[in-house]
């Protein structure tokens, strides 16, 4: 996951 939580939300699919 990226350090930016915002990016995590946008690319949440990447994490599953």
Protein backbone atom coordinates (compact mmCIF):
# COMPACT_ATOMS: atom_id res chain seq x y z
CA UNK A 1 0.00 0.00 0.00
CA UNK A 2 1.15 3.53 -0.75
CA UNK A 3 2.09 5.91 2.07
CA UNK A 4 -0.86 8.08 1.03
CA UNK A 5 -4.09 6.66 2.41
CA UNK A 6 -5.93 8.64 -0.29
CA UNK A 7 -4.15 6.67 -3.02
CA UNK A 8 -5.01 3.46 -1.16
CA UNK A 9 -8.70 4.28 -1.40
CA UNK A 10 -8.48 5.03 -5.12
CA UNK A 11 -6.49 1.85 -5.72
CA UNK A 12 -8.24 -0.16 -3.06
CA UNK A 13 -8.83 -2.87 -5.66
CA UNK A 14 -5.05 -3.37 -5.90
CA UNK A 15 -5.00 -4.43 -2.26
CA UNK A 16 -8.01 -6.63 -2.74
